């Protein structure tokens, strides 16, 4: 058999083998590597999710505080504790009734990242001359260390 013909057969057999695709072992190896990388990424990102939720709460407290101040400027008083933050979403029917009411927030803006409604008290326990605005945090228990409120210096919000 001439050498050129042998090379041609070898080349043909090699190219046919390479066209068959990947073996199951190769595919499983690649999938295993991807799974390990994803697991490591999720593990390292878990702490970032908590930081993101805390940052969102701080932003929400600032936004709601601005809308409460807008309500106060329009009506010359803040919503009562009984009216709560709902007074920014629907017109209060109890006293003191606003004279110049308009919707200032959507209802879903009053829910914290952990699914609990933001809390409001006027006058506040922490801010007796103003109001308290806070989230009960990830544990969903009021009065614990993970609560975020406008009385916290690190929340960058001011109820006064």
Protein backbone atom coordinates (compact mmCIF):
# COMPACT_ATOMS: atom_id res chain seq x y z
CA UNK A 1 0.00 0.00 0.00
CA UNK A 2 1.49 3.34 -0.96
CA UNK A 3 2.37 5.73 1.87
CA UNK A 4 0.04 8.43 0.56
CA UNK A 5 -2.88 6.03 0.64
CA UNK A 6 -2.05 4.93 4.22
CA UNK A 7 -1.95 8.59 5.31
CA UNK A 8 -5.28 9.21 3.64
CA UNK A 9 -6.92 6.26 5.46
CA UNK A 10 -5.40 7.33 8.77
CA UNK A 11 -6.57 10.89 8.24
CA UNK A 12 -10.05 9.71 7.26
CA UNK A 13 -10.36 7.46 10.35
CA UNK A 14 -9.11 10.22 12.63
CA UNK A 15 -11.49 12.85 11.26
CA UNK A 16 -14.45 10.46 11.48
CA UNK A 17 -13.62 9.81 15.12
CA UNK A 18 -13.36 13.52 15.89
CA UNK A 19 -16.74 14.18 14.30
CA UNK A 20 -18.53 11.80 16.65
CA UNK A 21 -18.66 14.39 19.46
CA UNK A 22 -17.81 14.26 23.12
CA UNK A 23 -17.94 11.18 25.30
CA UNK A 24 -20.23 10.94 28.29
CA UNK A 25 -17.22 11.10 30.61
CA UNK A 26 -16.05 14.37 29.03
CA UNK A 27 -19.51 15.92 29.33
CA UNK A 28 -19.85 14.82 32.96
CA UNK A 29 -16.42 16.23 33.77
CA UNK A 30 -17.33 19.63 32.32
CA UNK A 31 -20.68 19.66 34.14
CA UNK A 32 -18.96 18.75 37.41
CA UNK A 33 -16.51 21.61 37.04
CA UNK A 34 -19.35 24.05 36.29
CA UNK A 35 -21.29 22.81 39.36
CA UNK A 36 -18.27 23.31 41.63
CA UNK A 37 -17.72 26.83 40.30
CA UNK A 38 -21.39 27.74 40.75
CA UNK A 39 -21.43 26.37 44.30
CA UNK A 40 -18.34 28.38 45.20
CA UNK A 41 -19.84 31.52 43.65
CA UNK A 42 -23.11 31.13 45.52
CA UNK A 43 -21.25 30.55 48.78
CA UNK A 44 -19.25 33.75 48.37
CA UNK A 45 -22.27 35.77 47.19
CA UNK A 46 -24.51 34.82 50.14
CA UNK A 47 -23.06 37.57 52.34
CA UNK A 48 -23.53 40.12 49.57
CA UNK A 49 -27.26 39.42 49.46
CA UNK A 50 -27.61 40.41 53.13
CA UNK A 51 -25.63 43.60 52.51
CA UNK A 52 -27.82 44.39 49.50
CA UNK A 53 -31.00 43.96 51.56
CA UNK A 54 -29.66 46.21 54.33
CA UNK A 55 -28.72 48.84 51.75
CA UNK A 56 -32.19 48.63 50.23
CA UNK A 57 -33.78 49.14 53.65
CA UNK A 58 -31.69 52.28 54.22
CA UNK A 59 -32.74 53.61 50.82
CA UNK A 60 -36.39 52.75 51.44
CA UNK A 61 -36.31 54.54 54.82
CA UNK A 62 -34.93 57.66 53.13
CA UNK A 63 -37.57 57.51 50.38
CA UNK A 64 -40.46 56.99 52.80
CA UNK A 65 -39.14 59.79 55.06
CA UNK A 66 -39.12 62.18 52.09
CA UNK A 67 -42.70 61.20 51.25
CA UNK A 68 -43.79 61.65 54.88
CA UNK A 69 -42.25 65.15 54.83
CA UNK A 70 -44.09 65.87 51.57
CA UNK A 71 -47.35 64.74 53.21
CA UNK A 72 -46.59 67.04 56.14
CA UNK A 73 -45.89 70.02 53.87
CA UNK A 74 -49.15 69.49 51.96
CA UNK A 75 -51.35 69.00 55.03
CA UNK A 76 -49.43 70.71 57.86
CA UNK A 77 -49.40 67.49 59.91
CA UNK A 78 -47.99 63.96 59.73
CA UNK A 79 -50.17 60.87 59.51
CA UNK A 80 -51.18 59.49 62.88
CA UNK A 81 -49.84 56.15 64.11
CA UNK A 82 -53.28 54.65 63.44
CA UNK A 83 -53.31 55.93 59.84
CA UNK A 84 -49.74 54.70 59.44
CA UNK A 85 -47.81 54.57 56.23
CA UNK A 86 -50.98 53.53 54.44
CA UNK A 87 -51.81 57.28 54.43
CA UNK A 88 -49.17 57.62 51.70
CA UNK A 89 -50.99 55.05 49.55
CA UNK A 90 -54.71 55.62 50.18
CA UNK A 91 -56.53 58.65 51.57
CA UNK A 92 -57.10 58.29 55.32
CA UNK A 93 -60.71 58.19 56.48
CA UNK A 94 -59.94 58.80 60.16
CA UNK A 95 -58.90 62.05 61.83
CA UNK A 96 -56.83 64.00 61.15
CA UNK A 97 -58.06 63.90 57.55
CA UNK A 98 -55.74 65.48 55.00
CA UNK A 99 -57.07 68.44 53.03
CA UNK A 100 -54.67 68.11 50.11
CA UNK A 101 -54.11 64.38 49.77
CA UNK A 102 -52.46 62.65 46.82
CA UNK A 103 -50.91 59.22 46.50
CA UNK A 104 -47.20 59.49 47.29
CA UNK A 105 -46.13 55.81 47.21
CA UNK A 106 -47.19 52.48 45.78
CA UNK A 107 -48.34 49.84 48.27
CA UNK A 108 -45.40 47.52 47.51
CA UNK A 109 -42.95 50.29 48.51
CA UNK A 110 -44.08 49.76 52.12
CA UNK A 111 -42.74 46.17 52.27
CA UNK A 112 -39.15 45.52 53.38
CA UNK A 113 -36.84 43.03 51.60
CA UNK A 114 -37.78 40.29 54.06
CA UNK A 115 -41.50 40.59 53.26
CA UNK A 116 -42.64 42.50 56.36
CA UNK A 117 -44.33 45.91 56.27
CA UNK A 118 -42.30 48.91 57.39
CA UNK A 119 -43.43 50.20 60.80
CA UNK A 120 -44.37 53.78 61.64
CA UNK A 121 -45.16 55.51 64.93
CA UNK A 122 -46.00 59.19 65.48
CA UNK A 123 -44.83 60.35 67.96
CA UNK A 124 -41.96 57.93 67.99
CA UNK A 125 -40.52 55.98 70.87
CA UNK A 126 -36.97 56.70 69.69
CA UNK A 127 -37.85 60.13 68.25
CA UNK A 128 -40.44 61.55 70.70
CA UNK A 129 -40.50 64.94 68.97
CA UNK A 130 -41.03 63.36 65.55
CA UNK A 131 -41.72 59.86 64.21
CA UNK A 132 -40.17 56.40 64.13
CA UNK A 133 -39.87 54.60 60.81
CA UNK A 134 -38.31 51.15 60.79
CA UNK A 135 -38.01 47.62 59.46
CA UNK A 136 -38.16 44.71 61.89
CA UNK A 137 -35.33 43.04 59.97
CA UNK A 138 -34.56 39.54 58.82
CA UNK A 139 -35.76 37.83 62.00
CA UNK A 140 -39.17 39.55 61.64
CA UNK A 141 -39.24 40.27 65.36
CA UNK A 142 -39.71 43.81 66.62
CA UNK A 143 -37.22 45.21 69.12
CA UNK A 144 -34.23 43.03 68.21
CA UNK A 145 -30.71 43.99 67.15
CA UNK A 146 -31.40 43.55 63.43
CA UNK A 147 -34.10 46.27 63.32
CA UNK A 148 -33.27 49.20 61.02
CA UNK A 149 -34.81 52.53 61.94
CA UNK A 150 -34.56 56.23 61.29
CA UNK A 151 -33.00 56.58 64.74
CA UNK A 152 -29.94 54.53 63.70
CA UNK A 153 -26.96 56.75 62.87
CA UNK A 154 -25.89 54.31 60.16
CA UNK A 155 -29.28 54.45 58.44
CA UNK A 156 -28.56 58.02 57.26
CA UNK A 157 -32.18 58.98 57.76
CA UNK A 158 -33.50 61.51 60.16
CA UNK A 159 -36.90 61.56 61.68
CA UNK A 160 -36.24 64.98 63.21
